[in-house]
Amino acid sequence: MTVDENKICFIICVNNQLFYEECVRYLQCLSIPEGMQVEILAVEEAVSMAAGYNEGMNSSNAKYKIYMHQDVFIINRYFIHDIISIFCSDTTIGMIGMVGNVSIPENGVMWSGERVKYGNEDITWKTYRYNITDGMWDVACIDGLLMATQYDVSWREDLFDGWDFYDISQSCEMRKKGYRIVVPMQNCSWYLHDDKPILQLWNYNKYRKIFMENYM
């Protein structure tokens, strides 16, 4: 499949139609760079996040792919412009996240490390535009709420057949390929995340151990 460098694909694993429809409404409001084509791909009934993302990745020839949760709403109208400008600034940047860690904690739990996240409530979208000179942080891993790529790297569904640790695993796979992972400076947060107050982590420790055995 020939890669289309003028195409961006949003890949979303869906199990809640209301969340997905709201997510798409935000995507439909984004400014599209001239000559760029936008594709939205819903993956339903995925057996795991990694499997769903592999299915989406292999179904699209877009150079730029955005893997995101159905409950993430992008409020940066120029998100596509900004993502592409970051990727074009350095071909070694393989992945962009909204939240990340500068290093992977010894216990493998991303939340327990030094988190990088930007947002300034004093700045509104009426006056804010990201500029590549605003800078970005190089990180070891990013949160799975939104993961943007410009190169296809297979997700480890052979190891992570559930809904945890797919994001930190993919971060490690990207770095093994020699790619940088960055979190851009967001003087005004680029997204809203309507995540649940109680996380379902029944198998979390199982996958943490798998991660430790294979990556640490």
N, C-alpha and C. Protein backbone atom coordinates (compact mmCIF):
# COMPACT_ATOMS: atom_id res chain seq x y z
N MET A 1 0.85 -1.19 0.00
CA MET A 1 0.00 0.00 0.00
C MET A 1 0.89 1.25 0.00
N THR A 2 0.72 2.08 -1.01
CA THR A 2 1.51 3.30 -1.14
C THR A 2 1.09 4.32 -0.09
N VAL A 3 2.07 4.88 0.60
CA VAL A 3 1.79 5.87 1.64
C VAL A 3 1.39 7.19 1.02
N ASP A 4 0.29 7.76 1.50
CA ASP A 4 -0.20 9.06 1.03
C ASP A 4 0.29 10.12 2.01
N GLU A 5 1.25 10.93 1.59
CA GLU A 5 1.83 11.93 2.48
C GLU A 5 0.93 13.14 2.68
N ASN A 6 -0.17 13.21 1.96
CA ASN A 6 -1.12 14.31 2.11
C ASN A 6 -2.42 13.85 2.77
N LYS A 7 -2.29 12.85 3.63
CA LYS A 7 -3.47 12.28 4.26
C LYS A 7 -3.21 12.04 5.74
N ILE A 8 -4.21 12.34 6.58
CA ILE A 8 -4.12 12.08 8.01
C ILE A 8 -5.34 11.27 8.41
N CYS A 9 -5.13 10.24 9.22
CA CYS A 9 -6.20 9.34 9.62
C CYS A 9 -6.34 9.33 11.14
N PHE A 10 -7.55 9.54 11.62
CA PHE A 10 -7.86 9.43 13.04
C PHE A 10 -8.42 8.03 13.29
N ILE A 11 -7.74 7.27 14.13
CA ILE A 11 -8.12 5.88 14.40
C ILE A 11 -8.63 5.79 15.83
N ILE A 12 -9.86 5.31 15.98
CA ILE A 12 -10.53 5.32 17.28
C ILE A 12 -11.18 3.96 17.53
N CYS A 13 -10.82 3.31 18.63
CA CYS A 13 -11.52 2.09 19.05
C CYS A 13 -12.81 2.52 19.74
N VAL A 14 -13.93 1.95 19.28
CA VAL A 14 -15.24 2.43 19.72
C VAL A 14 -16.03 1.33 20.41
N ASN A 15 -16.52 1.63 21.62
CA ASN A 15 -17.50 0.77 22.29
C ASN A 15 -18.62 1.58 22.91
N ASN A 16 -18.60 2.91 22.64
CA ASN A 16 -19.64 3.79 23.14
C ASN A 16 -19.96 4.79 22.03
N GLN A 17 -21.11 4.60 21.41
CA GLN A 17 -21.46 5.39 20.24
C GLN A 17 -21.63 6.88 20.55
N LEU A 18 -22.15 7.21 21.73
CA LEU A 18 -22.35 8.62 22.08
C LEU A 18 -21.02 9.35 22.22
N PHE A 19 -20.05 8.72 22.90
CA PHE A 19 -18.73 9.32 23.01
C PHE A 19 -18.11 9.49 21.63
N TYR A 20 -18.20 8.46 20.81
CA TYR A 20 -17.59 8.51 19.48
C TYR A 20 -18.19 9.63 18.63
N GLU A 21 -19.52 9.75 18.65
CA GLU A 21 -20.16 10.79 17.85
C GLU A 21 -19.74 12.18 18.31
N GLU A 22 -19.59 12.36 19.63
CA GLU A 22 -19.14 13.66 20.13
C GLU A 22 -17.70 13.92 19.73
N CYS A 23 -16.85 12.90 19.81
CA CYS A 23 -15.46 13.00 19.38
C CYS A 23 -15.37 13.44 17.92
N VAL A 24 -16.18 12.84 17.07
CA VAL A 24 -16.17 13.14 15.64
C VAL A 24 -16.63 14.57 15.38
N ARG A 25 -17.59 15.05 16.16
CA ARG A 25 -18.05 16.44 15.99
C ARG A 25 -16.90 17.43 16.14
N TYR A 26 -16.05 17.16 17.13
CA TYR A 26 -14.88 18.02 17.34
C TYR A 26 -13.90 17.89 16.16
N LEU A 27 -13.71 16.68 15.68
CA LEU A 27 -12.79 16.47 14.56
C LEU A 27 -13.29 17.20 13.31
N GLN A 28 -14.58 17.24 13.13
CA GLN A 28 -15.15 17.89 11.95
C GLN A 28 -15.01 19.41 11.98
N CYS A 29 -14.67 19.96 13.14
CA CYS A 29 -14.47 21.39 13.27
C CYS A 29 -13.02 21.82 13.06
N LEU A 30 -12.13 20.85 12.87
CA LEU A 30 -10.71 21.18 12.73
C LEU A 30 -10.43 21.83 11.39
N SER A 31 -9.49 22.77 11.40
CA SER A 31 -9.02 23.38 10.16
C SER A 31 -8.16 22.37 9.41
N ILE A 32 -8.40 22.23 8.12
CA ILE A 32 -7.67 21.26 7.31
C ILE A 32 -6.69 21.99 6.39
N PRO A 33 -5.41 21.68 6.47
CA PRO A 33 -4.44 22.33 5.59
C PRO A 33 -4.77 22.07 4.12
N GLU A 34 -4.48 23.06 3.29
CA GLU A 34 -4.77 22.94 1.86
C GLU A 34 -4.08 21.71 1.27
N GLY A 35 -4.83 20.92 0.54
CA GLY A 35 -4.28 19.74 -0.10
C GLY A 35 -4.26 18.50 0.78
N MET A 36 -4.67 18.65 2.04
CA MET A 36 -4.64 17.52 2.98
C MET A 36 -6.01 16.84 3.02
N GLN A 37 -6.00 15.53 3.04
CA GLN A 37 -7.23 14.74 3.15
C GLN A 37 -7.32 14.14 4.55
N VAL A 38 -8.52 14.18 5.12
CA VAL A 38 -8.75 13.66 6.48
C VAL A 38 -9.64 12.43 6.42
N GLU A 39 -9.22 11.39 7.14
CA GLU A 39 -9.97 10.15 7.22
C GLU A 39 -10.24 9.85 8.70
N ILE A 40 -11.46 9.44 9.02
CA ILE A 40 -11.81 9.03 10.38
C ILE A 40 -12.19 7.56 10.33
N LEU A 41 -11.48 6.75 11.10
CA LEU A 41 -11.66 5.31 11.04
C LEU A 41 -12.06 4.78 12.41
N ALA A 42 -13.27 4.26 12.52
CA ALA A 42 -13.75 3.67 13.78
C ALA A 42 -13.50 2.17 13.75
N VAL A 43 -12.87 1.67 14.79
CA VAL A 43 -12.64 0.23 14.92
C VAL A 43 -13.56 -0.29 16.02
N GLU A 44 -14.55 -1.07 15.63
CA GLU A 44 -15.52 -1.59 16.58
C GLU A 44 -15.23 -3.06 16.89
N GLU A 45 -15.59 -3.47 18.11
CA GLU A 45 -15.44 -4.85 18.57
C GLU A 45 -13.98 -5.32 18.56
N ALA A 46 -13.07 -4.41 18.83
CA ALA A 46 -11.66 -4.80 18.93
C ALA A 46 -11.46 -5.68 20.16
N VAL A 47 -10.62 -6.69 20.04
CA VAL A 47 -10.38 -7.59 21.18
C VAL A 47 -9.40 -6.97 22.16
N SER A 48 -8.63 -5.99 21.71
CA SER A 48 -7.71 -5.26 22.58
C SER A 48 -7.38 -3.95 21.90
N MET A 49 -6.79 -3.02 22.65
CA MET A 49 -6.44 -1.73 22.06
C MET A 49 -5.36 -1.92 20.99
N ALA A 50 -4.34 -2.72 21.29
CA ALA A 50 -3.26 -2.94 20.33
C ALA A 50 -3.78 -3.60 19.05
N ALA A 51 -4.67 -4.59 19.21
CA ALA A 51 -5.24 -5.26 18.03
C ALA A 51 -6.08 -4.30 17.21
N GLY A 52 -6.86 -3.48 17.89
CA GLY A 52 -7.69 -2.50 17.19
C GLY A 52 -6.84 -1.49 16.44
N TYR A 53 -5.76 -1.04 17.06
CA TYR A 53 -4.90 -0.06 16.41
C TYR A 53 -4.13 -0.68 15.24
N ASN A 54 -3.75 -1.94 15.36
CA ASN A 54 -3.13 -2.61 14.21
C ASN A 54 -4.10 -2.72 13.05
N GLU A 55 -5.35 -3.04 13.37
CA GLU A 55 -6.38 -3.13 12.33
C GLU A 55 -6.54 -1.78 11.63
N GLY A 56 -6.62 -0.71 12.41
CA GLY A 56 -6.75 0.62 11.83
C GLY A 56 -5.53 1.02 11.04
N MET A 57 -4.34 0.76 11.59
CA MET A 57 -3.09 1.11 10.92
C MET A 57 -2.98 0.43 9.55
N ASN A 58 -3.36 -0.84 9.50
CA ASN A 58 -3.24 -1.61 8.26
C ASN A 58 -4.36 -1.33 7.28
N SER A 59 -5.37 -0.57 7.71
CA SER A 59 -6.50 -0.25 6.84
C SER A 59 -6.36 1.11 6.16
N SER A 60 -5.36 1.87 6.56
CA SER A 60 -5.20 3.23 6.02
C SER A 60 -3.81 3.42 5.44
N ASN A 61 -3.75 4.14 4.33
CA ASN A 61 -2.45 4.46 3.72
C ASN A 61 -1.97 5.86 4.09
N ALA A 62 -2.62 6.47 5.09
CA ALA A 62 -2.23 7.83 5.51
C ALA A 62 -0.85 7.83 6.13
N LYS A 63 -0.04 8.81 5.79
CA LYS A 63 1.27 8.94 6.42
C LYS A 63 1.12 9.28 7.89
N TYR A 64 0.18 10.20 8.18
CA TYR A 64 -0.01 10.66 9.56
C TYR A 64 -1.23 9.96 10.15
N LYS A 65 -1.04 9.36 11.31
CA LYS A 65 -2.13 8.65 11.97
C LYS A 65 -2.24 9.13 13.41
N ILE A 66 -3.47 9.34 13.84
CA ILE A 66 -3.76 9.78 15.20
C ILE A 66 -4.56 8.68 15.89
N TYR A 67 -3.93 8.01 16.85
CA TYR A 67 -4.61 6.98 17.62
C TYR A 67 -5.14 7.65 18.89
N MET A 68 -6.45 7.64 19.08
CA MET A 68 -7.00 8.41 20.19
C MET A 68 -8.19 7.70 20.82
N HIS A 69 -8.44 8.04 22.09
CA HIS A 69 -9.59 7.50 22.80
C HIS A 69 -10.86 8.17 22.31
N GLN A 70 -11.95 7.42 22.39
CA GLN A 70 -13.24 7.95 21.95
C GLN A 70 -13.75 9.08 22.83
N ASP A 71 -13.20 9.20 24.05
CA ASP A 71 -13.64 10.26 24.97
C ASP A 71 -12.68 11.44 25.03
N VAL A 72 -11.87 11.58 23.98
CA VAL A 72 -10.97 12.73 23.86
C VAL A 72 -11.53 13.68 22.80
N PHE A 73 -11.63 14.94 23.15
CA PHE A 73 -12.20 15.95 22.24
C PHE A 73 -11.14 17.01 21.96
N ILE A 74 -10.72 17.11 20.71
CA ILE A 74 -9.66 18.05 20.32
C ILE A 74 -10.25 19.45 20.17
N ILE A 75 -9.77 20.38 20.97
CA ILE A 75 -10.30 21.75 20.93
C ILE A 75 -9.34 22.73 20.25
N ASN A 76 -8.15 22.26 19.92
CA ASN A 76 -7.21 23.07 19.15
C ASN A 76 -7.62 22.98 17.68
N ARG A 77 -8.27 24.02 17.18
CA ARG A 77 -8.79 23.99 15.81
C ARG A 77 -7.68 23.77 14.78
N TYR A 78 -6.46 24.15 15.14
CA TYR A 78 -5.33 24.02 14.19
C TYR A 78 -4.47 22.80 14.52
N PHE A 79 -5.06 21.82 15.17
CA PHE A 79 -4.36 20.61 15.59
C PHE A 79 -3.61 19.94 14.43
N ILE A 80 -4.26 19.77 13.30
CA ILE A 80 -3.63 19.08 12.16
C ILE A 80 -2.44 19.89 11.67
N HIS A 81 -2.60 21.20 11.53
CA HIS A 81 -1.49 22.06 11.12
C HIS A 81 -0.30 21.88 12.06
N ASP A 82 -0.59 21.89 13.36
CA ASP A 82 0.47 21.86 14.37
C ASP A 82 1.18 20.52 14.39
N ILE A 83 0.43 19.42 14.31
CA ILE A 83 1.03 18.09 14.30
C ILE A 83 1.97 17.92 13.11
N ILE A 84 1.50 18.34 11.94
CA ILE A 84 2.31 18.20 10.73
C ILE A 84 3.55 19.08 10.80
N SER A 85 3.41 20.29 11.34
CA SER A 85 4.57 21.19 11.44
C SER A 85 5.64 20.59 12.35
N ILE A 86 5.22 19.92 13.42
CA ILE A 86 6.19 19.28 14.32
C ILE A 86 6.88 18.13 13.63
N PHE A 87 6.12 17.29 12.96
CA PHE A 87 6.73 16.16 12.25
C PHE A 87 7.68 16.64 11.15
N CYS A 88 7.30 17.67 10.43
CA CYS A 88 8.13 18.17 9.34
C CYS A 88 9.39 18.87 9.85
N SER A 89 9.38 19.29 11.10
CA SER A 89 10.55 19.98 11.66
C SER A 89 11.71 19.03 11.90
N ASP A 90 11.43 17.73 12.01
CA ASP A 90 12.49 16.75 12.28
C ASP A 90 11.98 15.37 11.89
N THR A 91 12.58 14.78 10.87
CA THR A 91 12.12 13.48 10.39
C THR A 91 12.38 12.35 11.39
N THR A 92 13.16 12.62 12.44
CA THR A 92 13.40 11.57 13.44
C THR A 92 12.31 11.54 14.51
N ILE A 93 11.39 12.51 14.48
CA ILE A 93 10.26 12.47 15.41
C ILE A 93 9.27 11.44 14.89
N GLY A 94 9.09 10.37 15.66
CA GLY A 94 8.19 9.31 15.23
C GLY A 94 6.80 9.42 15.82
N MET A 95 6.71 10.01 17.02
CA MET A 95 5.42 10.04 17.70
C MET A 95 5.28 11.29 18.56
N ILE A 96 4.06 11.81 18.62
CA ILE A 96 3.73 12.99 19.41
C ILE A 96 2.61 12.62 20.38
N GLY A 97 2.74 13.07 21.63
CA GLY A 97 1.69 12.86 22.62
C GLY A 97 1.28 14.16 23.26
N MET A 98 0.22 14.11 24.03
CA MET A 98 -0.25 15.28 24.77
C MET A 98 0.28 15.29 26.19
N VAL A 99 0.55 14.11 26.74
CA VAL A 99 1.08 13.93 28.08
C VAL A 99 2.13 12.85 28.02
N GLY A 100 3.27 13.05 28.71
CA GLY A 100 4.32 12.04 28.66
C GLY A 100 5.18 12.03 29.91
N ASN A 101 6.12 11.12 29.92
CA ASN A 101 7.09 11.01 31.01
C ASN A 101 8.49 11.12 30.44
N VAL A 102 9.35 11.87 31.12
CA VAL A 102 10.71 12.04 30.65
C VAL A 102 11.52 10.76 30.81
N SER A 103 11.10 9.89 31.71
CA SER A 103 11.75 8.59 31.88
C SER A 103 10.71 7.58 32.32
N ILE A 104 11.00 6.31 32.14
CA ILE A 104 10.07 5.26 32.55
C ILE A 104 10.38 4.87 33.99
N PRO A 105 9.42 4.99 34.89
CA PRO A 105 9.65 4.63 36.29
C PRO A 105 10.08 3.18 36.44
N GLU A 106 10.83 2.88 37.49
CA GLU A 106 11.34 1.53 37.69
C GLU A 106 10.24 0.50 37.85
N ASN A 107 9.07 0.93 38.35
CA ASN A 107 7.97 -0.02 38.52
C ASN A 107 7.11 -0.17 37.27
N GLY A 108 7.46 0.58 36.19
CA GLY A 108 6.73 0.49 34.94
C GLY A 108 5.43 1.26 34.91
N VAL A 109 5.05 1.88 36.03
CA VAL A 109 3.78 2.61 36.10
C VAL A 109 4.00 4.06 35.67
N MET A 110 3.46 4.43 34.53
CA MET A 110 3.71 5.75 33.95
C MET A 110 3.29 6.88 34.88
N TRP A 111 2.19 6.68 35.62
CA TRP A 111 1.65 7.75 36.47
C TRP A 111 2.59 8.12 37.61
N SER A 112 3.51 7.23 37.97
CA SER A 112 4.35 7.48 39.14
C SER A 112 5.63 8.24 38.79
N GLY A 113 5.84 8.55 37.52
CA GLY A 113 7.04 9.25 37.10
C GLY A 113 6.81 10.74 36.95
N GLU A 114 7.84 11.42 36.45
CA GLU A 114 7.76 12.87 36.22
C GLU A 114 6.98 13.12 34.94
N ARG A 115 5.76 13.63 35.09
CA ARG A 115 4.86 13.81 33.96
C ARG A 115 5.08 15.17 33.30
N VAL A 116 4.99 15.19 31.98
CA VAL A 116 5.10 16.42 31.21
C VAL A 116 3.74 16.70 30.59
N LYS A 117 3.14 17.79 31.01
CA LYS A 117 1.85 18.21 30.46
C LYS A 117 1.77 19.73 30.55
N TYR A 118 1.24 20.33 29.49
CA TYR A 118 1.17 21.78 29.48
C TYR A 118 -0.27 22.25 29.42
N GLY A 119 -0.48 23.47 29.89
CA GLY A 119 -1.79 24.09 29.83
C GLY A 119 -1.81 25.34 30.70
N ASN A 120 -2.30 26.43 30.17
CA ASN A 120 -2.35 27.69 30.91
C ASN A 120 -3.77 28.23 30.84
N GLU A 121 -4.47 28.21 31.95
CA GLU A 121 -5.87 28.62 31.96
C GLU A 121 -6.04 30.11 31.70
N ASP A 122 -4.95 30.89 31.78
CA ASP A 122 -5.06 32.33 31.55
C ASP A 122 -5.05 32.68 30.07
N ILE A 123 -4.76 31.69 29.23
CA ILE A 123 -4.72 31.92 27.78
C ILE A 123 -5.94 31.26 27.15
N THR A 124 -6.62 31.96 26.27
CA THR A 124 -7.81 31.41 25.63
C THR A 124 -7.53 31.12 24.15
N TRP A 125 -8.41 30.31 23.57
CA TRP A 125 -8.22 29.95 22.16
C TRP A 125 -8.46 31.12 21.21
N LYS A 126 -9.04 32.21 21.71
CA LYS A 126 -9.25 33.36 20.84
C LYS A 126 -7.93 34.02 20.46
N THR A 127 -6.93 33.87 21.32
CA THR A 127 -5.66 34.55 21.09
C THR A 127 -4.48 33.59 20.88
N TYR A 128 -4.70 32.29 21.08
CA TYR A 128 -3.57 31.34 21.08
C TYR A 128 -3.40 30.62 19.75
N ARG A 129 -2.14 30.57 19.30
CA ARG A 129 -1.73 29.70 18.20
C ARG A 129 -0.38 29.10 18.55
N TYR A 130 -0.25 27.81 18.33
CA TYR A 130 1.04 27.16 18.58
C TYR A 130 2.03 27.57 17.49
N ASN A 131 3.28 27.75 17.92
CA ASN A 131 4.37 28.01 16.98
C ASN A 131 5.47 27.01 17.28
N ILE A 132 6.09 26.50 16.24
CA ILE A 132 7.12 25.48 16.42
C ILE A 132 8.24 25.97 17.34
N THR A 133 8.43 27.29 17.39
CA THR A 133 9.46 27.86 18.26
C THR A 133 9.05 27.81 19.73
N ASP A 134 7.78 27.50 20.02
CA ASP A 134 7.35 27.34 21.41
C ASP A 134 8.07 26.17 22.07
N GLY A 135 8.49 25.23 21.25
CA GLY A 135 9.29 24.13 21.77
C GLY A 135 8.49 22.88 22.10
N MET A 136 9.22 21.85 22.54
CA MET A 136 8.62 20.57 22.87
C MET A 136 9.58 19.82 23.79
N TRP A 137 9.05 18.86 24.51
CA TRP A 137 9.85 18.03 25.39
C TRP A 137 10.09 16.67 24.75
N ASP A 138 11.33 16.19 24.80
CA ASP A 138 11.59 14.79 24.46
C ASP A 138 11.22 13.93 25.66
N VAL A 139 10.43 12.88 25.42
CA VAL A 139 9.97 12.03 26.50
C VAL A 139 10.26 10.57 26.17
N ALA A 140 10.21 9.74 27.23
CA ALA A 140 10.43 8.30 27.05
C ALA A 140 9.15 7.58 26.66
N CYS A 141 8.01 8.12 27.10
CA CYS A 141 6.74 7.47 26.80
C CYS A 141 5.61 8.49 26.89
N ILE A 142 4.50 8.19 26.24
CA ILE A 142 3.35 9.09 26.25
C ILE A 142 2.09 8.33 26.63
N ASP A 143 1.12 9.08 27.14
CA ASP A 143 -0.17 8.53 27.54
C ASP A 143 -0.99 8.18 26.30
N GLY A 144 -1.75 7.10 26.41
CA GLY A 144 -2.51 6.61 25.26
C GLY A 144 -3.74 7.40 24.90
N LEU A 145 -4.04 8.47 25.62
CA LEU A 145 -5.24 9.25 25.28
C LEU A 145 -5.18 9.78 23.86
N LEU A 146 -3.97 10.13 23.39
CA LEU A 146 -3.77 10.55 22.00
C LEU A 146 -2.32 10.33 21.63
N MET A 147 -2.11 9.55 20.55
CA MET A 147 -0.76 9.22 20.09
C MET A 147 -0.70 9.44 18.59
N ALA A 148 0.04 10.44 18.15
CA ALA A 148 0.14 10.78 16.74
C ALA A 148 1.44 10.24 16.17
N THR A 149 1.40 9.64 14.99
CA THR A 149 2.61 9.07 14.38
C THR A 149 2.76 9.53 12.94
N GLN A 150 4.02 9.49 12.47
CA GLN A 150 4.25 9.69 11.04
C GLN A 150 4.91 8.47 10.41
N TYR A 151 5.17 7.44 11.21
CA TYR A 151 5.70 6.17 10.71
C TYR A 151 4.89 5.03 11.32
N ASP A 152 4.65 4.00 10.55
CA ASP A 152 3.90 2.85 11.03
C ASP A 152 4.83 1.87 11.75
N VAL A 153 4.53 1.60 12.99
CA VAL A 153 5.22 0.60 13.78
C VAL A 153 4.15 -0.29 14.40
N SER A 154 4.26 -1.59 14.21
CA SER A 154 3.23 -2.52 14.68
C SER A 154 3.06 -2.45 16.20
N TRP A 155 1.82 -2.52 16.62
CA TRP A 155 1.48 -2.54 18.05
C TRP A 155 1.61 -3.98 18.54
N ARG A 156 2.10 -4.15 19.77
CA ARG A 156 2.42 -5.49 20.28
C ARG A 156 1.18 -6.20 20.84
N GLU A 157 0.28 -6.54 19.95
CA GLU A 157 -0.91 -7.26 20.39
C GLU A 157 -0.58 -8.68 20.84
N ASP A 158 0.62 -9.16 20.46
CA ASP A 158 1.04 -10.48 20.93
C ASP A 158 1.32 -10.48 22.43
N LEU A 159 1.70 -9.33 22.97
CA LEU A 159 1.99 -9.21 24.40
C LEU A 159 0.82 -8.60 25.17
N PHE A 160 0.21 -7.58 24.59
CA PHE A 160 -0.81 -6.81 25.30
C PHE A 160 -2.17 -7.03 24.63
N ASP A 161 -2.86 -8.05 25.11
CA ASP A 161 -4.14 -8.45 24.53
C ASP A 161 -5.31 -7.90 25.34
N GLY A 162 -5.07 -6.79 26.04
CA GLY A 162 -6.13 -6.14 26.82
C GLY A 162 -6.13 -4.65 26.54
N TRP A 163 -6.29 -3.85 27.60
CA TRP A 163 -6.50 -2.41 27.43
C TRP A 163 -5.50 -1.57 28.22
N ASP A 164 -4.44 -2.22 28.72
CA ASP A 164 -3.43 -1.52 29.51
C ASP A 164 -2.04 -1.74 28.92
N PHE A 165 -1.17 -0.75 29.10
CA PHE A 165 0.25 -0.81 28.75
C PHE A 165 0.53 -0.86 27.25
N TYR A 166 -0.49 -0.76 26.41
CA TYR A 166 -0.27 -0.68 24.98
C TYR A 166 0.47 0.60 24.62
N ASP A 167 0.23 1.68 25.39
CA ASP A 167 0.81 2.99 25.06
C ASP A 167 2.29 3.07 25.42
N ILE A 168 2.65 2.61 26.62
CA ILE A 168 4.05 2.64 27.02
C ILE A 168 4.86 1.61 26.22
N SER A 169 4.21 0.50 25.85
CA SER A 169 4.86 -0.48 24.98
C SER A 169 5.16 0.13 23.61
N GLN A 170 4.17 0.81 23.03
CA GLN A 170 4.37 1.41 21.72
C GLN A 170 5.45 2.49 21.76
N SER A 171 5.51 3.20 22.88
CA SER A 171 6.57 4.20 23.06
C SER A 171 7.94 3.53 22.99
N CYS A 172 8.06 2.40 23.67
CA CYS A 172 9.34 1.66 23.65
C CYS A 172 9.65 1.14 22.25
N GLU A 173 8.64 0.66 21.54
CA GLU A 173 8.85 0.16 20.18
C GLU A 173 9.32 1.28 19.26
N MET A 174 8.75 2.46 19.42
CA MET A 174 9.18 3.61 18.61
C MET A 174 10.63 3.96 18.90
N ARG A 175 10.99 3.97 20.14
CA ARG A 175 12.37 4.33 20.52
C ARG A 175 13.35 3.26 20.06
N LYS A 176 12.93 2.00 20.06
CA LYS A 176 13.79 0.92 19.55
C LYS A 176 14.10 1.12 18.07
N LYS A 177 13.16 1.74 17.35
CA LYS A 177 13.36 2.03 15.93
C LYS A 177 14.23 3.28 15.72
N GLY A 178 14.57 3.96 16.81
CA GLY A 178 15.42 5.14 16.71
C GLY A 178 14.67 6.44 16.58
N TYR A 179 13.36 6.43 16.80
CA TYR A 179 12.55 7.64 16.64
C TYR A 179 12.42 8.40 17.96
N ARG A 180 12.34 9.71 17.84
CA ARG A 180 12.06 10.57 19.00
C ARG A 180 10.57 10.55 19.30
N ILE A 181 10.25 10.77 20.58
CA ILE A 181 8.87 10.94 21.02
C ILE A 181 8.81 12.29 21.73
N VAL A 182 7.85 13.12 21.36
CA VAL A 182 7.81 14.47 21.92
C VAL A 182 6.42 14.84 22.41
N VAL A 183 6.39 15.77 23.36
CA VAL A 183 5.15 16.41 23.82
C VAL A 183 5.32 17.91 23.57
N PRO A 184 4.49 18.49 22.72
CA PRO A 184 4.64 19.92 22.41
C PRO A 184 4.24 20.82 23.58
N MET A 185 4.85 21.97 23.66
CA MET A 185 4.45 22.99 24.62
C MET A 185 3.06 23.47 24.27
N GLN A 186 2.12 23.30 25.18
CA GLN A 186 0.73 23.71 24.95
C GLN A 186 0.40 24.84 25.94
N ASN A 187 0.57 26.06 25.49
CA ASN A 187 0.23 27.19 26.35
C ASN A 187 -1.27 27.25 26.62
N CYS A 188 -2.03 26.55 25.79
CA CYS A 188 -3.45 26.36 26.02
C CYS A 188 -3.73 24.91 25.64
N SER A 189 -4.32 24.14 26.54
CA SER A 189 -4.48 22.71 26.32
C SER A 189 -5.17 22.42 24.99
N TRP A 190 -4.65 21.45 24.25
CA TRP A 190 -5.17 21.14 22.92
C TRP A 190 -6.40 20.26 22.95
N TYR A 191 -6.77 19.73 24.11
CA TYR A 191 -7.82 18.71 24.15
C TYR A 191 -8.57 18.75 25.47
N LEU A 192 -9.73 18.09 25.47
CA LEU A 192 -10.47 17.77 26.68
C LEU A 192 -10.56 16.25 26.76
N HIS A 193 -10.43 15.71 27.96
CA HIS A 193 -10.50 14.25 28.13
C HIS A 193 -11.57 13.93 29.15
N ASP A 194 -12.65 13.35 28.69
CA ASP A 194 -13.77 13.02 29.57
C ASP A 194 -13.60 11.60 30.11
N ASP A 195 -12.44 11.38 30.77
CA ASP A 195 -12.19 10.05 31.30
C ASP A 195 -12.98 9.84 32.58
N LYS A 196 -13.18 8.57 32.92
CA LYS A 196 -14.04 8.22 34.04
C LYS A 196 -13.30 8.42 35.36
N PRO A 197 -14.03 8.76 36.43
CA PRO A 197 -13.38 8.97 37.73
C PRO A 197 -12.81 7.69 38.33
N ILE A 198 -13.37 6.53 37.94
CA ILE A 198 -12.89 5.25 38.46
C ILE A 198 -12.38 4.42 37.29
N LEU A 199 -11.09 4.12 37.28
CA LEU A 199 -10.50 3.34 36.21
C LEU A 199 -10.71 1.85 36.47
N GLN A 200 -10.97 1.11 35.41
CA GLN A 200 -11.12 -0.33 35.53
C GLN A 200 -9.76 -0.98 35.26
N LEU A 201 -9.10 -1.38 36.32
CA LEU A 201 -7.73 -1.86 36.22
C LEU A 201 -7.60 -3.31 36.70
N TRP A 202 -8.60 -4.12 36.36
CA TRP A 202 -8.61 -5.50 36.85
C TRP A 202 -7.34 -6.25 36.42
N ASN A 203 -6.88 -6.02 35.22
CA ASN A 203 -5.72 -6.76 34.71
C ASN A 203 -4.46 -5.91 34.63
N TYR A 204 -4.51 -4.73 35.27
CA TYR A 204 -3.40 -3.79 35.14
C TYR A 204 -2.07 -4.39 35.59
N ASN A 205 -2.05 -5.04 36.74
CA ASN A 205 -0.79 -5.58 37.25
C ASN A 205 -0.28 -6.72 36.39
N LYS A 206 -1.19 -7.49 35.81
CA LYS A 206 -0.80 -8.56 34.88
C LYS A 206 0.01 -7.98 33.72
N TYR A 207 -0.50 -6.91 33.13
CA TYR A 207 0.20 -6.32 31.98
C TYR A 207 1.43 -5.53 32.40
N ARG A 208 1.41 -5.01 33.62
CA ARG A 208 2.62 -4.35 34.14
C ARG A 208 3.77 -5.36 34.22
N LYS A 209 3.48 -6.55 34.68
CA LYS A 209 4.51 -7.58 34.77
C LYS A 209 5.01 -7.99 33.38
N ILE A 210 4.09 -8.09 32.43
CA ILE A 210 4.49 -8.41 31.06
C ILE A 210 5.40 -7.32 30.50
N PHE A 211 5.04 -6.07 30.78
CA PHE A 211 5.87 -4.95 30.33
C PHE A 211 7.26 -5.03 30.95
N MET A 212 7.33 -5.25 32.24
CA MET A 212 8.60 -5.33 32.94
C MET A 212 9.48 -6.44 32.36
N GLU A 213 8.88 -7.58 32.09
CA GLU A 213 9.64 -8.72 31.59
C GLU A 213 10.19 -8.48 30.19
N ASN A 214 9.50 -7.70 29.40
CA ASN A 214 9.88 -7.53 28.00
C ASN A 214 10.63 -6.23 27.67
N TYR A 215 10.53 -5.23 28.57
CA TYR A 215 11.12 -3.95 28.23
C TYR A 215 12.09 -3.38 29.25
N MET A 216 11.97 -3.78 30.50
CA MET A 216 12.82 -3.14 31.51
C MET A 216 14.17 -3.86 31.61
